Amino acid sequence: MAQFTTRLHELGLQFMQGARFWHVLDASAGKDQAANWIIATYQQLSGKRPTTLGLGDGPNDAPLLEVMDYAVIVKGLNREGVHLHDEDPARVWRNAA
């Protein structure tokens, strides 16, 4: 697996674990970048920054949840779960079921 991941990196790709599957993605793209683009576009058009809420159930959702104002982590099939740098209970909610 390490050789495969290294080769993907050499090709400008990343190997990312989701809740159920592994994904090969462009290394320069991610859910966080897409969300930031949407937030910036909304702010440019409306003159206001929206309050954001993201939901995720796998490790590949962590970058998205990190850029949201509020995050809901749904217990999924993935044993690794979702780990965030900022797990402030005022901002992050984890469901139990």
PDB file of N, CA and C in Angstrom:
ATOM      1  N   MET A   1       0.825  -1.183   0.000  1.00  0.00           N
ATOM      2  CA  MET A   1       0.000   0.000   0.000  1.00  0.00           C
ATOM      3  C   MET A   1       0.873   1.253   0.000  1.00  0.00           C
ATOM      4  N   ALA A   2       1.991   1.234   0.710  1.00  0.00           N
ATOM      5  CA  ALA A   2       2.868   2.404   0.785  1.00  0.00           C
ATOM      6  C   ALA A   2       3.430   2.757  -0.587  1.00  0.00           C
ATOM      7  N   GLN A   3       3.816   1.751  -1.367  1.00  0.00           N
ATOM      8  CA  GLN A   3       4.341   2.013  -2.715  1.00  0.00           C
ATOM      9  C   GLN A   3       3.263   2.619  -3.602  1.00  0.00           C
ATOM     10  N   PHE A   4       2.062   2.108  -3.502  1.00  0.00           N
ATOM     11  CA  PHE A   4       0.944   2.618  -4.287  1.00  0.00           C
ATOM     12  C   PHE A   4       0.681   4.085  -3.938  1.00  0.00           C
ATOM     13  N   THR A   5       0.645   4.384  -2.652  1.00  0.00           N
ATOM     14  CA  THR A   5       0.409   5.753  -2.191  1.00  0.00           C
ATOM     15  C   THR A   5       1.528   6.680  -2.652  1.00  0.00           C
ATOM     16  N   THR A   6       2.764   6.224  -2.565  1.00  0.00           N
ATOM     17  CA  THR A   6       3.909   7.021  -3.017  1.00  0.00           C
ATOM     18  C   THR A   6       3.812   7.305  -4.500  1.00  0.00           C
ATOM     19  N   ARG A   7       3.465   6.308  -5.281  1.00  0.00           N
ATOM     20  CA  ARG A   7       3.342   6.487  -6.736  1.00  0.00           C
ATOM     21  C   ARG A   7       2.217   7.461  -7.064  1.00  0.00           C
ATOM     22  N   LEU A   8       1.105   7.358  -6.378  1.00  0.00           N
ATOM     23  CA  LEU A   8       0.012   8.307  -6.596  1.00  0.00           C
ATOM     24  C   LEU A   8       0.476   9.728  -6.305  1.00  0.00           C
ATOM     25  N   HIS A   9       1.207   9.902  -5.203  1.00  0.00           N
ATOM     26  CA  HIS A   9       1.716  11.221  -4.833  1.00  0.00           C
ATOM     27  C   HIS A   9       2.624  11.774  -5.936  1.00  0.00           C
ATOM     28  N   GLU A  10       3.465  10.924  -6.496  1.00  0.00           N
ATOM     29  CA  GLU A  10       4.349  11.337  -7.596  1.00  0.00           C
ATOM     30  C   GLU A  10       3.557  11.809  -8.809  1.00  0.00           C
ATOM     31  N   LEU A  11       2.364  11.273  -8.974  1.00  0.00           N
ATOM     32  CA  LEU A  11       1.499  11.632 -10.103  1.00  0.00           C
ATOM     33  C   LEU A  11       0.564  12.805  -9.779  1.00  0.00           C
ATOM     34  N   GLY A  12       0.723  13.386  -8.584  1.00  0.00           N
ATOM     35  CA  GLY A  12      -0.124  14.512  -8.197  1.00  0.00           C
ATOM     36  C   GLY A  12      -1.486  14.091  -7.692  1.00  0.00           C
ATOM     37  N   LEU A  13      -1.559  12.860  -7.199  1.00  0.00           N
ATOM     38  CA  LEU A  13      -2.826  12.322  -6.699  1.00  0.00           C
ATOM     39  C   LEU A  13      -2.710  12.004  -5.215  1.00  0.00           C
ATOM     40  N   GLN A  14      -3.834  11.826  -4.575  1.00  0.00           N
ATOM     41  CA  GLN A  14      -3.848  11.424  -3.169  1.00  0.00           C
ATOM     42  C   GLN A  14      -4.767  10.223  -2.994  1.00  0.00           C
ATOM     43  N   PHE A  15      -4.476   9.416  -2.003  1.00  0.00           N
ATOM     44  CA  PHE A  15      -5.250   8.223  -1.684  1.00  0.00           C
ATOM     45  C   PHE A  15      -5.914   8.502  -0.348  1.00  0.00           C
ATOM     46  N   MET A  16      -7.234   8.606  -0.331  1.00  0.00           N
ATOM     47  CA  MET A  16      -7.941   9.049   0.856  1.00  0.00           C
ATOM     48  C   MET A  16      -9.000   8.036   1.280  1.00  0.00           C
ATOM     49  N   GLN A  17      -9.066   7.790   2.574  1.00  0.00           N
ATOM     50  CA  GLN A  17     -10.043   6.849   3.112  1.00  0.00           C
ATOM     51  C   GLN A  17     -11.354   7.551   3.401  1.00  0.00           C
ATOM     52  N   GLY A  18     -12.431   6.967   2.901  1.00  0.00           N
ATOM     53  CA  GLY A  18     -13.771   7.456   3.203  1.00  0.00           C
ATOM     54  C   GLY A  18     -14.411   6.564   4.245  1.00  0.00           C
ATOM     55  N   ALA A  19     -15.699   6.714   4.440  1.00  0.00           N
ATOM     56  CA  ALA A  19     -16.407   5.895   5.426  1.00  0.00           C
ATOM     57  C   ALA A  19     -16.481   4.438   4.986  1.00  0.00           C
ATOM     58  N   ARG A  20     -16.666   4.227   3.691  1.00  0.00           N
ATOM     59  CA  ARG A  20     -16.800   2.861   3.180  1.00  0.00           C
ATOM     60  C   ARG A  20     -15.696   2.467   2.209  1.00  0.00           C
ATOM     61  N   PHE A  21     -15.209   3.431   1.446  1.00  0.00           N
ATOM     62  CA  PHE A  21     -14.274   3.134   0.367  1.00  0.00           C
ATOM     63  C   PHE A  21     -13.037   4.019   0.454  1.00  0.00           C
ATOM     64  N   TRP A  22     -12.005   3.616  -0.279  1.00  0.00           N
ATOM     65  CA  TRP A  22     -10.823   4.448  -0.477  1.00  0.00           C
ATOM     66  C   TRP A  22     -11.005   5.180  -1.799  1.00  0.00           C
ATOM     67  N   HIS A  23     -10.498   6.417  -1.871  1.00  0.00           N
ATOM     68  CA  HIS A  23     -10.671   7.246  -3.057  1.00  0.00           C
ATOM     69  C   HIS A  23      -9.322   7.731  -3.563  1.00  0.00           C
ATOM     70  N   VAL A  24      -9.183   7.825  -4.884  1.00  0.00           N
ATOM     71  CA  VAL A  24      -8.021   8.453  -5.506  1.00  0.00           C
ATOM     72  C   VAL A  24      -8.500   9.793  -6.040  1.00  0.00           C
ATOM     73  N   LEU A  25      -7.877  10.873  -5.553  1.00  0.00           N
ATOM     74  CA  LEU A  25      -8.294  12.225  -5.904  1.00  0.00           C
ATOM     75  C   LEU A  25      -7.101  13.058  -6.344  1.00  0.00           C
ATOM     76  N   ASP A  26      -7.385  14.127  -7.059  1.00  0.00           N
ATOM     77  CA  ASP A  26      -6.359  15.106  -7.392  1.00  0.00           C
ATOM     78  C   ASP A  26      -5.843  15.694  -6.081  1.00  0.00           C
ATOM     79  N   ALA A  27      -4.535  15.759  -5.920  1.00  0.00           N
ATOM     80  CA  ALA A  27      -3.957  16.234  -4.662  1.00  0.00           C
ATOM     81  C   ALA A  27      -4.253  17.705  -4.398  1.00  0.00           C
ATOM     82  N   SER A  28      -4.567  18.457  -5.452  1.00  0.00           N
ATOM     83  CA  SER A  28      -4.811  19.891  -5.268  1.00  0.00           C
ATOM     84  C   SER A  28      -6.287  20.209  -5.048  1.00  0.00           C
ATOM     85  N   ALA A  29      -7.128  19.201  -4.969  1.00  0.00           N
ATOM     86  CA  ALA A  29      -8.563  19.437  -4.791  1.00  0.00           C
ATOM     87  C   ALA A  29      -9.045  18.739  -3.529  1.00  0.00           C
ATOM     88  N   GLY A  30     -10.108  19.257  -2.980  1.00  0.00           N
ATOM     89  CA  GLY A  30     -10.677  18.631  -1.798  1.00  0.00           C
ATOM     90  C   GLY A  30     -12.000  19.272  -1.450  1.00  0.00           C
ATOM     91  N   LYS A  31     -12.714  18.631  -0.552  1.00  0.00           N
ATOM     92  CA  LYS A  31     -14.016  19.145  -0.129  1.00  0.00           C
ATOM     93  C   LYS A  31     -13.871  20.500   0.559  1.00  0.00           C
ATOM     94  N   ASP A  32     -12.771  20.681   1.298  1.00  0.00           N
ATOM     95  CA  ASP A  32     -12.548  21.959   1.966  1.00  0.00           C
ATOM     96  C   ASP A  32     -12.370  23.090   0.967  1.00  0.00           C
ATOM     97  N   GLN A  33     -11.637  22.832  -0.111  1.00  0.00           N
ATOM     98  CA  GLN A  33     -11.428  23.863  -1.130  1.00  0.00           C
ATOM     99  C   GLN A  33     -12.730  24.203  -1.838  1.00  0.00           C
ATOM    100  N   ALA A  34     -13.537  23.199  -2.110  1.00  0.00           N
ATOM    101  CA  ALA A  34     -14.831  23.443  -2.744  1.00  0.00           C
ATOM    102  C   ALA A  34     -15.726  24.268  -1.820  1.00  0.00           C
ATOM    103  N   ALA A  35     -15.757  23.921  -0.540  1.00  0.00           N
ATOM    104  CA  ALA A  35     -16.578  24.667   0.416  1.00  0.00           C
ATOM    105  C   ALA A  35     -16.094  26.108   0.542  1.00  0.00           C
ATOM    106  N   ASN A  36     -14.784  26.296   0.612  1.00  0.00           N
ATOM    107  CA  ASN A  36     -14.244  27.656   0.705  1.00  0.00           C
ATOM    108  C   ASN A  36     -14.603  28.479  -0.524  1.00  0.00           C
ATOM    109  N   TRP A  37     -14.602  27.852  -1.696  1.00  0.00           N
ATOM    110  CA  TRP A  37     -14.980  28.557  -2.928  1.00  0.00           C
ATOM    111  C   TRP A  37     -16.447  28.977  -2.860  1.00  0.00           C
ATOM    112  N   ILE A  38     -17.308  28.063  -2.426  1.00  0.00           N
ATOM    113  CA  ILE A  38     -18.739  28.380  -2.315  1.00  0.00           C
ATOM    114  C   ILE A  38     -18.959  29.510  -1.301  1.00  0.00           C
ATOM    115  N   ILE A  39     -18.291  29.442  -0.161  1.00  0.00           N
ATOM    116  CA  ILE A  39     -18.422  30.481   0.867  1.00  0.00           C
ATOM    117  C   ILE A  39     -17.959  31.830   0.323  1.00  0.00           C
ATOM    118  N   ALA A  40     -16.796  31.847  -0.327  1.00  0.00           N
ATOM    119  CA  ALA A  40     -16.257  33.096  -0.883  1.00  0.00           C
ATOM    120  C   ALA A  40     -17.168  33.668  -1.963  1.00  0.00           C
ATOM    121  N   THR A  41     -17.701  32.810  -2.817  1.00  0.00           N
ATOM    122  CA  THR A  41     -18.598  33.267  -3.881  1.00  0.00           C
ATOM    123  C   THR A  41     -19.878  33.842  -3.288  1.00  0.00           C
ATOM    124  N   TYR A  42     -20.443  33.165  -2.315  1.00  0.00           N
ATOM    125  CA  TYR A  42     -21.647  33.660  -1.649  1.00  0.00           C
ATOM    126  C   TYR A  42     -21.371  35.022  -1.013  1.00  0.00           C
ATOM    127  N   GLN A  43     -20.233  35.117  -0.327  1.00  0.00           N
ATOM    128  CA  GLN A  43     -19.886  36.364   0.354  1.00  0.00           C
ATOM    129  C   GLN A  43     -19.695  37.497  -0.652  1.00  0.00           C
ATOM    130  N   GLN A  44     -19.069  37.197  -1.770  1.00  0.00           N
ATOM    131  CA  GLN A  44     -18.851  38.209  -2.806  1.00  0.00           C
ATOM    132  C   GLN A  44     -20.181  38.693  -3.385  1.00  0.00           C
ATOM    133  N   LEU A  45     -21.102  37.779  -3.614  1.00  0.00           N
ATOM    134  CA  LEU A  45     -22.386  38.133  -4.218  1.00  0.00           C
ATOM    135  C   LEU A  45     -23.342  38.811  -3.236  1.00  0.00           C
ATOM    136  N   SER A  46     -23.314  38.393  -1.975  1.00  0.00           N
ATOM    137  CA  SER A  46     -24.283  38.905  -1.003  1.00  0.00           C
ATOM    138  C   SER A  46     -23.723  39.979  -0.078  1.00  0.00           C
ATOM    139  N   GLY A  47     -22.396  40.021   0.022  1.00  0.00           N
ATOM    140  CA  GLY A  47     -21.781  40.948   0.964  1.00  0.00           C
ATOM    141  C   GLY A  47     -21.802  40.438   2.394  1.00  0.00           C
ATOM    142  N   LYS A  48     -22.243  39.196   2.590  1.00  0.00           N
ATOM    143  CA  LYS A  48     -22.317  38.597   3.925  1.00  0.00           C
ATOM    144  C   LYS A  48     -21.621  37.242   3.916  1.00  0.00           C
ATOM    145  N   ARG A  49     -20.999  36.909   5.046  1.00  0.00           N
ATOM    146  CA  ARG A  49     -20.424  35.573   5.168  1.00  0.00           C
ATOM    147  C   ARG A  49     -21.482  34.666   5.772  1.00  0.00           C
ATOM    148  N   PRO A  50     -21.769  33.539   5.104  1.00  0.00           N
ATOM    149  CA  PRO A  50     -22.793  32.641   5.637  1.00  0.00           C
ATOM    150  C   PRO A  50     -22.288  31.873   6.856  1.00  0.00           C
ATOM    151  N   THR A  51     -23.203  31.470   7.699  1.00  0.00           N
ATOM    152  CA  THR A  51     -22.889  30.525   8.766  1.00  0.00           C
ATOM    153  C   THR A  51     -22.988  29.148   8.135  1.00  0.00           C
ATOM    154  N   THR A  52     -21.962  28.329   8.339  1.00  0.00           N
ATOM    155  CA  THR A  52     -21.893  27.052   7.631  1.00  0.00           C
ATOM    156  C   THR A  52     -22.014  25.864   8.579  1.00  0.00           C
ATOM    157  N   LEU A  53     -22.587  24.797   8.048  1.00  0.00           N
ATOM    158  CA  LEU A  53     -22.763  23.541   8.770  1.00  0.00           C
ATOM    159  C   LEU A  53     -22.375  22.414   7.829  1.00  0.00           C
ATOM    160  N   GLY A  54     -21.497  21.532   8.282  1.00  0.00           N
ATOM    161  CA  GLY A  54     -21.093  20.392   7.468  1.00  0.00           C
ATOM    162  C   GLY A  54     -21.371  19.094   8.189  1.00  0.00           C
ATOM    163  N   LEU A  55     -21.667  18.056   7.416  1.00  0.00           N
ATOM    164  CA  LEU A  55     -21.892  16.720   7.961  1.00  0.00           C
ATOM    165  C   LEU A  55     -20.890  15.772   7.335  1.00  0.00           C
ATOM    166  N   GLY A  56     -20.361  14.850   8.122  1.00  0.00           N
ATOM    167  CA  GLY A  56     -19.421  13.883   7.589  1.00  0.00           C
ATOM    168  C   GLY A  56     -19.410  12.609   8.396  1.00  0.00           C
ATOM    169  N   ASP A  57     -18.975  11.523   7.730  1.00  0.00           N
ATOM    170  CA  ASP A  57     -18.938  10.231   8.423  1.00  0.00           C
ATOM    171  C   ASP A  57     -17.651   9.457   8.197  1.00  0.00           C
ATOM    172  N   GLY A  58     -16.670  10.068   7.553  1.00  0.00           N
ATOM    173  CA  GLY A  58     -15.421   9.362   7.301  1.00  0.00           C
ATOM    174  C   GLY A  58     -14.232  10.304   7.340  1.00  0.00           C
ATOM    175  N   PRO A  59     -13.022   9.750   7.392  1.00  0.00           N
ATOM    176  CA  PRO A  59     -11.812  10.566   7.458  1.00  0.00           C
ATOM    177  C   PRO A  59     -11.686  11.572   6.310  1.00  0.00           C
ATOM    178  N   ASN A  60     -12.228  11.229   5.142  1.00  0.00           N
ATOM    179  CA  ASN A  60     -12.131  12.148   4.007  1.00  0.00           C
ATOM    180  C   ASN A  60     -13.013  13.381   4.185  1.00  0.00           C
ATOM    181  N   ASP A  61     -13.880  13.382   5.178  1.00  0.00           N
ATOM    182  CA  ASP A  61     -14.739  14.538   5.443  1.00  0.00           C
ATOM    183  C   ASP A  61     -14.092  15.535   6.406  1.00  0.00           C
ATOM    184  N   ALA A  62     -13.021  15.145   7.075  1.00  0.00           N
ATOM    185  CA  ALA A  62     -12.390  16.012   8.074  1.00  0.00           C
ATOM    186  C   ALA A  62     -11.991  17.378   7.514  1.00  0.00           C
ATOM    187  N   PRO A  63     -11.340  17.461   6.337  1.00  0.00           N
ATOM    188  CA  PRO A  63     -10.978  18.793   5.830  1.00  0.00           C
ATOM    189  C   PRO A  63     -12.194  19.697   5.627  1.00  0.00           C
ATOM    190  N   LEU A  64     -13.293  19.138   5.149  1.00  0.00           N
ATOM    191  CA  LEU A  64     -14.524  19.914   4.981  1.00  0.00           C
ATOM    192  C   LEU A  64     -15.028  20.402   6.335  1.00  0.00           C
ATOM    193  N   LEU A  65     -15.098  19.502   7.298  1.00  0.00           N
ATOM    194  CA  LEU A  65     -15.632  19.847   8.615  1.00  0.00           C
ATOM    195  C   LEU A  65     -14.761  20.876   9.332  1.00  0.00           C
ATOM    196  N   GLU A  66     -13.460  20.864   9.055  1.00  0.00           N
ATOM    197  CA  GLU A  66     -12.537  21.833   9.669  1.00  0.00           C
ATOM    198  C   GLU A  66     -12.852  23.265   9.252  1.00  0.00           C
ATOM    199  N   VAL A  67     -13.355  23.472   8.027  1.00  0.00           N
ATOM    200  CA  VAL A  67     -13.611  24.835   7.542  1.00  0.00           C
ATOM    201  C   VAL A  67     -15.043  25.298   7.803  1.00  0.00           C
ATOM    202  N   MET A  68     -15.868  24.433   8.360  1.00  0.00           N
ATOM    203  CA  MET A  68     -17.251  24.792   8.662  1.00  0.00           C
ATOM    204  C   MET A  68     -17.325  25.494  10.022  1.00  0.00           C
ATOM    205  N   ASP A  69     -18.346  26.334  10.178  1.00  0.00           N
ATOM    206  CA  ASP A  69     -18.580  26.954  11.483  1.00  0.00           C
ATOM    207  C   ASP A  69     -19.044  25.901  12.486  1.00  0.00           C
ATOM    208  N   TYR A  70     -19.888  24.993  12.012  1.00  0.00           N
ATOM    209  CA  TYR A  70     -20.413  23.909  12.840  1.00  0.00           C
ATOM    210  C   TYR A  70     -20.258  22.601  12.083  1.00  0.00           C
ATOM    211  N   ALA A  71     -19.965  21.542  12.820  1.00  0.00           N
ATOM    212  CA  ALA A  71     -19.757  20.236  12.195  1.00  0.00           C
ATOM    213  C   ALA A  71     -20.567  19.168  12.918  1.00  0.00           C
ATOM    214  N   VAL A  72     -21.178  18.294  12.133  1.00  0.00           N
ATOM    215  CA  VAL A  72     -21.887  17.137  12.667  1.00  0.00           C
ATOM    216  C   VAL A  72     -21.149  15.906  12.161  1.00  0.00           C
ATOM    217  N   ILE A  73     -20.666  15.096  13.080  1.00  0.00           N
ATOM    218  CA  ILE A  73     -19.955  13.878  12.708  1.00  0.00           C
ATOM    219  C   ILE A  73     -20.908  12.709  12.931  1.00  0.00           C
ATOM    220  N   VAL A  74     -21.282  12.093  11.835  1.00  0.00           N
ATOM    221  CA  VAL A  74     -22.225  10.984  11.854  1.00  0.00           C
ATOM    222  C   VAL A  74     -21.439   9.697  12.031  1.00  0.00           C
ATOM    223  N   LYS A  75     -21.838   8.892  12.994  1.00  0.00           N
ATOM    224  CA  LYS A  75     -21.159   7.615  13.198  1.00  0.00           C
ATOM    225  C   LYS A  75     -21.379   6.767  11.957  1.00  0.00           C
ATOM    226  N   GLY A  76     -20.279   6.393  11.319  1.00  0.00           N
ATOM    227  CA  GLY A  76     -20.371   5.634  10.083  1.00  0.00           C
ATOM    228  C   GLY A  76     -19.815   4.237  10.224  1.00  0.00           C
ATOM    229  N   LEU A  77     -19.588   3.615   9.096  1.00  0.00           N
ATOM    230  CA  LEU A  77     -19.055   2.258   9.069  1.00  0.00           C
ATOM    231  C   LEU A  77     -17.552   2.222   9.284  1.00  0.00           C
ATOM    232  N   ASN A  78     -16.891   3.367   9.121  1.00  0.00           N
ATOM    233  CA  ASN A  78     -15.441   3.414   9.205  1.00  0.00           C
ATOM    234  C   ASN A  78     -14.978   3.328  10.653  1.00  0.00           C
ATOM    235  N   ARG A  79     -14.058   2.434  10.931  1.00  0.00           N
ATOM    236  CA  ARG A  79     -13.544   2.251  12.291  1.00  0.00           C
ATOM    237  C   ARG A  79     -12.670   3.415  12.737  1.00  0.00           C
ATOM    238  N   GLU A  80     -12.026   4.082  11.768  1.00  0.00           N
ATOM    239  CA  GLU A  80     -11.125   5.188  12.091  1.00  0.00           C
ATOM    240  C   GLU A  80     -11.885   6.396  12.632  1.00  0.00           C
ATOM    241  N   GLY A  81     -13.102   6.579  12.178  1.00  0.00           N
ATOM    242  CA  GLY A  81     -13.875   7.741  12.597  1.00  0.00           C
ATOM    243  C   GLY A  81     -13.359   9.016  11.961  1.00  0.00           C
ATOM    244  N   VAL A  82     -13.825  10.121  12.460  1.00  0.00           N
ATOM    245  CA  VAL A  82     -13.422  11.436  11.974  1.00  0.00           C
ATOM    246  C   VAL A  82     -12.768  12.171  13.132  1.00  0.00           C
ATOM    247  N   HIS A  83     -11.569  12.676  12.919  1.00  0.00           N
ATOM    248  CA  HIS A  83     -10.834  13.405  13.948  1.00  0.00           C
ATOM    249  C   HIS A  83     -10.547  14.809  13.434  1.00  0.00           C
ATOM    250  N   LEU A  84     -10.900  15.812  14.231  1.00  0.00           N
ATOM    251  CA  LEU A  84     -10.697  17.202  13.855  1.00  0.00           C
ATOM    252  C   LEU A  84      -9.685  17.856  14.785  1.00  0.00           C
ATOM    253  N   HIS A  85      -9.018  18.896  14.294  1.00  0.00           N
ATOM    254  CA  HIS A  85      -8.084  19.647  15.134  1.00  0.00           C
ATOM    255  C   HIS A  85      -8.837  20.414  16.218  1.00  0.00           C
ATOM    256  N   ASP A  86      -9.993  20.981  15.838  1.00  0.00           N
ATOM    257  CA  ASP A  86     -10.806  21.752  16.778  1.00  0.00           C
ATOM    258  C   ASP A  86     -12.093  20.983  17.046  1.00  0.00           C
ATOM    259  N   GLU A  87     -12.148  20.292  18.173  1.00  0.00           N
ATOM    260  CA  GLU A  87     -13.337  19.502  18.518  1.00  0.00           C
ATOM    261  C   GLU A  87     -14.138  20.177  19.628  1.00  0.00           C
ATOM    262  N   ASP A  88     -14.120  21.503  19.638  1.00  0.00           N
ATOM    263  CA  ASP A  88     -14.876  22.280  20.623  1.00  0.00           C
ATOM    264  C   ASP A  88     -16.342  21.855  20.589  1.00  0.00           C
ATOM    265  N   PRO A  89     -16.898  21.403  21.725  1.00  0.00           N
ATOM    266  CA  PRO A  89     -18.288  20.939  21.749  1.00  0.00           C
ATOM    267  C   PRO A  89     -19.304  22.016  21.348  1.00  0.00           C
ATOM    268  N   ALA A  90     -18.920  23.276  21.406  1.00  0.00           N
ATOM    269  CA  ALA A  90     -19.819  24.341  20.962  1.00  0.00           C
ATOM    270  C   ALA A  90     -19.919  24.373  19.437  1.00  0.00           C
ATOM    271  N   ARG A  91     -18.975  23.703  18.762  1.00  0.00           N
ATOM    272  CA  ARG A  91     -18.914  23.729  17.309  1.00  0.00           C
ATOM    273  C   ARG A  91     -19.083  22.349  16.670  1.00  0.00           C
ATOM    274  N   VAL A  92     -18.738  21.296  17.389  1.00  0.00           N
ATOM    275  CA  VAL A  92     -18.752  19.940  16.828  1.00  0.00           C
ATOM    276  C   VAL A  92     -19.716  19.060  17.620  1.00  0.00           C
ATOM    277  N   TRP A  93     -20.590  18.384  16.897  1.00  0.00           N
ATOM    278  CA  TRP A  93     -21.538  17.464  17.517  1.00  0.00           C
ATOM    279  C   TRP A  93     -21.343  16.087  16.902  1.00  0.00           C
ATOM    280  N   ARG A  94     -21.272  15.059  17.724  1.00  0.00           N
ATOM    281  CA  ARG A  94     -21.144  13.668  17.264  1.00  0.00           C
ATOM    282  C   ARG A  94     -22.416  12.914  17.630  1.00  0.00           C
ATOM    283  N   ASN A  95     -22.983  12.211  16.643  1.00  0.00           N
ATOM    284  CA  ASN A  95     -24.159  11.409  16.990  1.00  0.00           C
ATOM    285  C   ASN A  95     -23.704  10.074  17.553  1.00  0.00           C
ATOM    286  N   ALA A  96     -24.513   9.470  18.380  1.00  0.00           N
ATOM    287  CA  ALA A  96     -24.141   8.232  19.063  1.00  0.00           C
ATOM    288  C   ALA A  96     -24.569   6.985  18.310  1.00  0.00           C
ATOM    289  N   ALA A  97     -25.532   7.096  17.422  1.00  0.00           N
ATOM    290  CA  ALA A  97     -26.038   5.901  16.738  1.00  0.00           C
ATOM    291  C   ALA A  97     -25.589   5.829  15.309  1.00  0.00           C
TER     292      ALA A  97
END
